[in-house]
Amino acid sequence: MKFRRFFAFAAFSLAASTTQAAGFKPIEVPAQGRLQAFKGAVWYPCNRPASETRLGPFVMSVSMNCPLSGEKRPLVVISHGKTGSFLGHRDTAEFLADAGFVVVAINHPGDSAPDRSRTNEFPIFVERPADIKRVIDYMLGSWPDAAAIDASRIGFFGFSRGGYTGLVAIGANPYFGKRLQLCEGKSDALCEQVRMGQLPELSHDARIKAAVIADPLSVFFTQDSFKSVQVPVQLWGSERGGDGVTPASVADIASRLQVRPEFRVVPSSQHFSFLTPCPAELAQSAPDLCSDPPGFDRAAFHADFNASVLTFLKAQLGQPPALR
């Protein structure tokens, strides 16, 4: 699939314009064994002015393929929710890049806007954290500007299933149970492990030093799931929840994390309020993703949200170098 066409599948999550300026490059992480290749994009600081760039039916204000400015840049990895895309948190990515971070967001194979083929399959919950490890390996290894990244300063941002993904990546161990509904009628190796009461091998990544988690899916977490999590977390919850996430389930995670998180509940918000504000045409075609409760201003919230995320990541990972 051509890259421009690929963006059309992610349309629901991209606003028509932005005030943030950042460099922008597409990436593709190669396949690894049975794990599929996947696509994404990198936002990063550069010294060239931004211009309007059309990707599919949408316009971004970025500087395409401009040279990355500076060195020793902290890295932040973004993981989207169920059938989301790497553009779902574009405003946050641009905001962090404008502040000096390198930000990479990916599409999880089989559970993204362009590829929903395995979104209801159990292996997705094992592969998602592995995708995070793979993209970090790529950014520190094969990515052309890898030398500009400070490998000791890596952060994470995840929403919904992406929040689950990040919690596992920083050390959480879910409990799937021997009679997992997702494994009913399935005979794959991972489901056989579950039936035998074995925990499938999960990818934890000690390189991640801080995590921002928004409205995480928590159905697989128990009281004991977070015993090994020592990474500082900024945890966000919506007041009304949605898509399988409840305010109580997010509060439970806050109470179970070994290191007390910076926990914030957003008044009047619903689950999808954490997605980038939608342009008008998408607000009509995808009201479940784009509509907010009466009186809630998603654009205003995101301005505050992005600033709070930046403050947290700077406190945990250090101030990025200034632009040259």
Protein backbone atom coordinates (compact mmCIF):
# COMPACT_ATOMS: atom_id res chain seq x y z
CA MET A 1 0.00 0.00 0.00
CA LYS A 2 1.41 3.37 -0.99
CA PHE A 3 2.22 5.62 1.93
CA ARG A 4 -0.13 8.43 0.88
CA ARG A 5 -3.02 6.02 0.53
CA PHE A 6 -2.09 4.61 3.93
CA PHE A 7 -2.77 7.95 5.59
CA ALA A 8 -6.35 7.93 4.33
CA PHE A 9 -7.11 4.95 6.56
CA ALA A 10 -5.99 6.98 9.55
CA ALA A 11 -8.22 9.89 8.69
CA PHE A 12 -10.31 9.83 11.83
CA SER A 13 -7.40 10.92 13.98
CA LEU A 14 -5.88 13.81 12.04
CA ALA A 15 -7.02 17.40 12.43
CA ALA A 16 -7.01 19.65 9.40
CA SER A 17 -4.45 22.10 10.76
CA THR A 18 -1.99 22.67 13.56
CA THR A 19 -0.06 25.46 15.18
CA GLN A 20 2.92 23.24 15.97
CA ALA A 21 5.94 22.98 13.67
CA ALA A 22 8.09 19.88 13.46
CA GLY A 23 10.11 17.80 11.05
CA PHE A 24 8.27 14.71 9.81
CA LYS A 25 9.41 11.47 8.18
CA PRO A 26 7.64 8.18 7.51
CA ILE A 27 9.26 4.97 8.72
CA GLU A 28 8.83 1.25 8.17
CA VAL A 29 10.13 -1.25 10.71
CA PRO A 30 11.03 -4.53 8.96
CA ALA A 31 9.50 -7.90 9.77
CA GLN A 32 11.18 -9.99 12.42
CA GLY A 33 10.55 -13.72 12.35
CA ARG A 34 6.78 -14.29 12.54
CA LEU A 35 6.23 -10.63 13.48
CA GLN A 36 5.05 -8.46 10.62
CA ALA A 37 6.63 -5.27 9.34
CA PHE A 38 4.82 -2.10 10.38
CA LYS A 39 4.69 1.55 9.43
CA GLY A 40 4.75 4.76 11.38
CA ALA A 41 6.23 8.22 11.41
CA VAL A 42 8.74 10.32 13.29
CA TRP A 43 8.31 13.93 14.42
CA TYR A 44 11.50 15.73 15.41
CA PRO A 45 13.04 19.20 15.83
CA CYS A 46 14.46 20.92 12.78
CA ASN A 47 15.39 24.44 11.77
CA ARG A 48 13.39 24.73 8.55
CA PRO A 49 10.01 26.44 8.52
CA ALA A 50 6.92 24.27 8.35
CA SER A 51 4.63 24.21 5.34
CA GLU A 52 1.26 22.69 4.59
CA THR A 53 1.72 19.09 3.50
CA ARG A 54 -1.21 17.09 2.17
CA LEU A 55 -1.33 13.45 3.21
CA GLY A 56 -4.37 11.80 1.74
CA PRO A 57 -7.32 14.15 2.28
CA PHE A 58 -5.69 15.98 5.16
CA VAL A 59 -3.18 18.76 5.66
CA MET A 60 -0.36 18.82 8.20
CA SER A 61 1.84 21.77 9.05
CA VAL A 62 5.27 20.11 9.10
CA SER A 63 8.64 20.22 7.41
CA MET A 64 8.84 16.99 5.45
CA ASN A 65 12.18 15.18 5.58
CA CYS A 66 14.10 18.17 6.91
CA PRO A 67 17.44 17.47 8.64
CA LEU A 68 17.15 16.70 12.35
CA SER A 69 18.61 19.47 14.47
CA GLY A 70 20.95 18.75 17.37
CA GLU A 71 22.07 15.62 19.19
CA LYS A 72 21.40 13.74 22.44
CA ARG A 73 17.67 14.01 21.80
CA PRO A 74 15.30 12.15 24.13
CA LEU A 75 12.97 9.71 22.39
CA VAL A 76 9.24 9.18 23.02
CA VAL A 77 7.31 6.22 21.57
CA ILE A 78 3.54 6.51 20.99
CA SER A 79 1.13 3.56 20.95
CA HIS A 80 -2.45 4.00 19.69
CA GLY A 81 -5.67 2.40 20.90
CA LYS A 82 -7.75 -0.37 19.34
CA THR A 83 -7.81 0.03 15.53
CA GLY A 84 -6.22 3.46 15.86
CA SER A 85 -3.30 4.88 13.96
CA PHE A 86 0.03 6.58 14.44
CA LEU A 87 -1.75 9.85 13.71
CA GLY A 88 -4.18 9.54 16.60
CA HIS A 89 -2.00 11.67 18.89
CA ARG A 90 -0.39 13.83 16.23
CA ASP A 91 -0.84 17.06 18.16
CA THR A 92 1.03 15.61 21.14
CA ALA A 93 3.79 14.30 18.89
CA GLU A 94 4.22 17.69 17.20
CA PHE A 95 4.17 19.52 20.52
CA LEU A 96 6.91 17.31 21.96
CA ALA A 97 8.99 17.55 18.78
CA ASP A 98 8.68 21.32 18.83
CA ALA A 99 10.10 21.18 22.38
CA GLY A 100 13.13 19.15 21.30
CA PHE A 101 12.05 15.49 21.53
CA VAL A 102 12.22 12.87 18.83
CA VAL A 103 8.79 11.19 18.74
CA VAL A 104 7.94 7.98 16.92
CA ALA A 105 4.39 6.66 16.53
CA ILE A 106 3.53 3.33 14.94
CA ASN A 107 0.63 1.31 13.59
CA HIS A 108 0.33 -2.03 15.38
CA PRO A 109 0.01 -4.80 12.76
CA GLY A 110 -3.44 -6.36 12.70
CA ASP A 111 -4.89 -3.80 15.12
CA SER A 112 -4.78 -0.47 13.32
CA ALA A 113 -6.93 1.67 11.04
CA PRO A 114 -5.49 0.23 7.80
CA ASP A 115 -5.31 -3.37 9.11
CA ARG A 116 -7.98 -4.62 11.50
CA SER A 117 -7.49 -8.26 10.57
CA ARG A 118 -6.52 -9.47 14.04
CA THR A 119 -7.89 -6.83 16.37
CA ASN A 120 -10.00 -9.41 18.23
CA GLU A 121 -7.27 -12.07 18.33
CA PHE A 122 -5.41 -12.86 21.54
CA PRO A 123 -1.87 -12.67 20.05
CA ILE A 124 -2.35 -8.90 19.61
CA PHE A 125 -2.01 -8.46 23.38
CA VAL A 126 1.35 -10.26 23.35
CA GLU A 127 2.66 -8.68 20.14
CA ARG A 128 1.84 -5.06 20.98
CA PRO A 129 4.57 -4.71 23.66
CA ALA A 130 6.95 -6.53 21.31
CA ASP A 131 6.20 -3.86 18.69
CA ILE A 132 7.40 -1.22 21.15
CA LYS A 133 10.69 -3.00 21.71
CA ARG A 134 11.12 -3.43 17.97
CA VAL A 135 10.57 0.24 17.18
CA ILE A 136 13.00 1.30 19.91
CA ASP A 137 15.57 -1.11 18.48
CA TYR A 138 14.96 0.41 15.06
CA MET A 139 15.20 4.01 16.23
CA LEU A 140 18.47 3.31 18.05
CA GLY A 141 19.87 1.14 15.28
CA SER A 142 18.77 1.32 11.64
CA TRP A 143 17.06 4.71 11.64
CA PRO A 144 19.30 7.10 9.67
CA ASP A 145 19.43 9.66 12.51
CA ALA A 146 19.89 7.13 15.30
CA ALA A 147 23.12 8.81 16.43
CA ALA A 148 21.12 11.90 17.43
CA ILE A 149 19.08 9.99 20.03
CA ASP A 150 20.11 9.69 23.66
CA ALA A 151 19.47 6.01 24.41
CA SER A 152 19.41 6.71 28.14
CA ARG A 153 16.38 9.01 27.82
CA ILE A 154 13.44 7.09 26.38
CA GLY A 155 9.81 7.75 27.25
CA PHE A 156 6.46 6.31 26.26
CA PHE A 157 2.94 7.58 25.56
CA GLY A 158 -0.02 5.21 25.19
CA PHE A 159 -3.79 5.48 24.98
CA SER A 160 -6.40 2.77 25.66
CA ARG A 161 -4.91 -0.48 24.32
CA GLY A 162 -1.79 1.60 23.86
CA GLY A 163 -1.92 2.27 27.60
CA TYR A 164 -2.08 -1.48 28.24
CA THR A 165 0.83 -1.85 25.82
CA GLY A 166 2.93 0.68 27.70
CA LEU A 167 2.20 -0.78 31.13
CA VAL A 168 3.38 -4.19 29.94
CA ALA A 169 6.42 -2.62 28.27
CA ILE A 170 7.50 -1.03 31.58
CA GLY A 171 7.12 -4.29 33.50
CA ALA A 172 3.45 -5.09 34.20
CA ASN A 173 2.38 -8.72 33.90
CA PRO A 174 -1.23 -9.32 32.84
CA TYR A 175 -3.20 -12.38 33.86
CA PHE A 176 -5.08 -13.96 30.97
CA GLY A 177 -6.79 -16.87 32.71
CA LYS A 178 -7.18 -20.43 31.44
CA ARG A 179 -10.55 -19.78 29.78
CA LEU A 180 -9.79 -16.62 27.88
CA GLN A 181 -12.73 -15.65 25.68
CA LEU A 182 -10.40 -14.51 22.90
CA CYS A 183 -9.05 -18.07 22.72
CA GLU A 184 -12.39 -19.86 22.37
CA GLY A 185 -12.22 -22.12 19.32
CA LYS A 186 -8.60 -21.11 18.62
CA SER A 187 -5.69 -23.55 18.52
CA ASP A 188 -2.70 -21.26 18.11
CA ALA A 189 0.36 -21.72 20.32
CA LEU A 190 -0.31 -18.72 22.55
CA CYS A 191 -3.86 -19.85 23.31
CA GLU A 192 -2.54 -23.33 24.15
CA GLN A 193 -0.15 -21.73 26.65
CA VAL A 194 -3.03 -19.88 28.25
CA ARG A 195 -5.08 -23.06 28.56
CA MET A 196 -2.17 -24.66 30.39
CA GLY A 197 -2.03 -21.71 32.78
CA GLN A 198 1.26 -20.43 31.42
CA LEU A 199 1.99 -16.75 30.90
CA PRO A 200 3.15 -16.16 27.31
CA GLU A 201 6.53 -14.50 27.03
CA LEU A 202 5.99 -10.75 27.15
CA SER A 203 8.30 -7.96 26.04
CA HIS A 204 9.34 -5.67 28.88
CA ASP A 205 11.82 -2.94 28.00
CA ALA A 206 14.00 -1.46 30.73
CA ARG A 207 15.14 1.28 28.35
CA ILE A 208 11.84 3.10 28.92
CA LYS A 209 12.43 5.50 31.82
CA ALA A 210 9.05 7.28 32.01
CA ALA A 211 5.52 6.61 30.74
CA VAL A 212 2.41 8.68 30.08
CA ILE A 213 -0.64 6.40 30.13
CA ALA A 214 -4.11 7.66 29.12
CA ASP A 215 -7.31 5.70 29.87
CA PRO A 216 -5.61 2.29 29.68
CA LEU A 217 -7.44 -0.95 28.98
CA SER A 218 -7.00 -2.89 32.21
CA VAL A 219 -9.12 -6.03 31.86
CA PHE A 220 -6.07 -8.32 32.13
CA PHE A 221 -4.43 -6.64 35.11
CA THR A 222 -4.70 -7.90 38.69
CA GLN A 223 -3.52 -6.75 42.10
CA ASP A 224 -0.17 -8.44 41.49
CA SER A 225 0.40 -7.26 37.92
CA PHE A 226 2.44 -4.19 38.84
CA LYS A 227 4.92 -5.58 41.36
CA SER A 228 7.82 -5.14 38.94
CA VAL A 229 6.89 -1.68 37.64
CA GLN A 230 9.30 0.92 38.98
CA VAL A 231 9.06 3.46 36.17
CA PRO A 232 7.47 6.86 36.96
CA VAL A 233 4.03 7.15 35.37
CA GLN A 234 1.76 10.05 34.56
CA LEU A 235 -1.68 8.41 34.49
CA TRP A 236 -4.70 10.08 32.92
CA GLY A 237 -8.33 9.02 33.24
CA SER A 238 -11.50 10.27 31.59
CA GLU A 239 -14.39 11.10 33.88
CA ARG A 240 -16.90 9.08 31.84
CA GLY A 241 -14.76 6.31 30.30
CA GLY A 242 -15.78 4.33 27.24
CA ASP A 243 -14.73 1.53 24.87
CA GLY A 244 -14.24 -0.94 27.71
CA VAL A 245 -12.41 1.48 30.01
CA THR A 246 -14.13 2.68 33.18
CA PRO A 247 -13.09 5.45 35.59
CA ALA A 248 -12.90 2.83 38.37
CA SER A 249 -10.55 0.60 36.38
CA VAL A 250 -8.11 3.48 35.81
CA ALA A 251 -8.28 4.44 39.49
CA ASP A 252 -7.49 0.81 40.38
CA ILE A 253 -4.30 0.98 38.35
CA ALA A 254 -3.35 4.21 40.10
CA SER A 255 -3.73 2.50 43.47
CA ARG A 256 -1.77 -0.61 42.45
CA LEU A 257 1.31 0.95 40.88
CA GLN A 258 4.32 0.52 43.18
CA VAL A 259 5.62 4.02 42.43
CA ARG A 260 2.81 6.46 43.11
CA PRO A 261 1.78 7.90 39.74
CA GLU A 262 0.93 11.46 38.88
CA PHE A 263 -2.78 10.69 38.48
CA ARG A 264 -5.17 13.10 36.77
CA VAL A 265 -8.86 12.68 36.00
CA VAL A 266 -10.15 15.02 33.28
CA PRO A 267 -13.53 16.56 34.23
CA SER A 268 -16.42 16.01 31.79
CA SER A 269 -14.26 13.99 29.38
CA GLN A 270 -15.01 10.69 27.68
CA HIS A 271 -12.58 8.01 26.50
CA PHE A 272 -11.95 9.38 23.02
CA SER A 273 -11.37 12.91 24.30
CA PHE A 274 -7.67 11.95 24.36
CA LEU A 275 -7.62 11.70 20.55
CA THR A 276 -6.58 14.70 18.47
CA PRO A 277 -9.55 17.03 17.77
CA CYS A 278 -11.35 16.01 14.57
CA PRO A 279 -11.90 18.16 11.48
CA ALA A 280 -15.52 18.90 10.60
CA GLU A 281 -16.01 16.17 8.00
CA LEU A 282 -14.79 13.48 10.39
CA ALA A 283 -16.91 14.81 13.21
CA GLN A 284 -19.91 13.99 11.00
CA SER A 285 -18.76 10.55 9.85
CA ALA A 286 -17.27 9.31 13.15
CA PRO A 287 -19.26 10.95 15.96
CA ASP A 288 -18.31 8.24 18.48
CA LEU A 289 -14.64 9.18 18.10
CA CYS A 290 -15.10 12.91 17.66
CA SER A 291 -17.96 13.92 19.93
CA ASP A 292 -17.47 15.04 23.51
CA PRO A 293 -19.90 15.64 26.37
CA PRO A 294 -21.68 19.02 26.40
CA GLY A 295 -19.43 21.80 27.62
CA PHE A 296 -16.19 19.89 27.02
CA ASP A 297 -13.74 21.67 24.70
CA ARG A 298 -11.37 19.06 23.29
CA ALA A 299 -9.06 21.59 21.64
CA ALA A 300 -8.67 23.57 24.86
CA PHE A 301 -8.12 20.38 26.84
CA HIS A 302 -5.40 19.21 24.47
CA ALA A 303 -3.52 22.47 24.85
CA ASP A 304 -3.34 21.88 28.61
CA PHE A 305 -2.85 18.13 28.22
CA ASN A 306 0.13 18.46 25.89
CA ALA A 307 1.76 21.02 28.16
CA SER A 308 1.34 18.70 31.17
CA VAL A 309 2.75 15.73 29.26
CA LEU A 310 5.76 17.83 28.24
CA THR A 311 6.36 19.01 31.80
CA PHE A 312 6.27 15.43 33.10
CA LEU A 313 8.61 14.06 30.42
CA LYS A 314 11.08 16.90 30.92
CA ALA A 315 11.09 16.24 34.66
CA GLN A 316 11.74 12.52 34.15
CA LEU A 317 13.98 12.50 31.06
CA GLY A 318 15.65 15.89 31.31
CA GLN A 319 15.51 19.04 29.25
CA PRO A 320 16.10 18.40 25.51
CA PRO A 321 19.03 20.30 23.96
CA ALA A 322 18.18 23.66 22.44
CA LEU A 323 17.87 24.00 18.67
CA ARG A 324 21.03 25.10 16.94
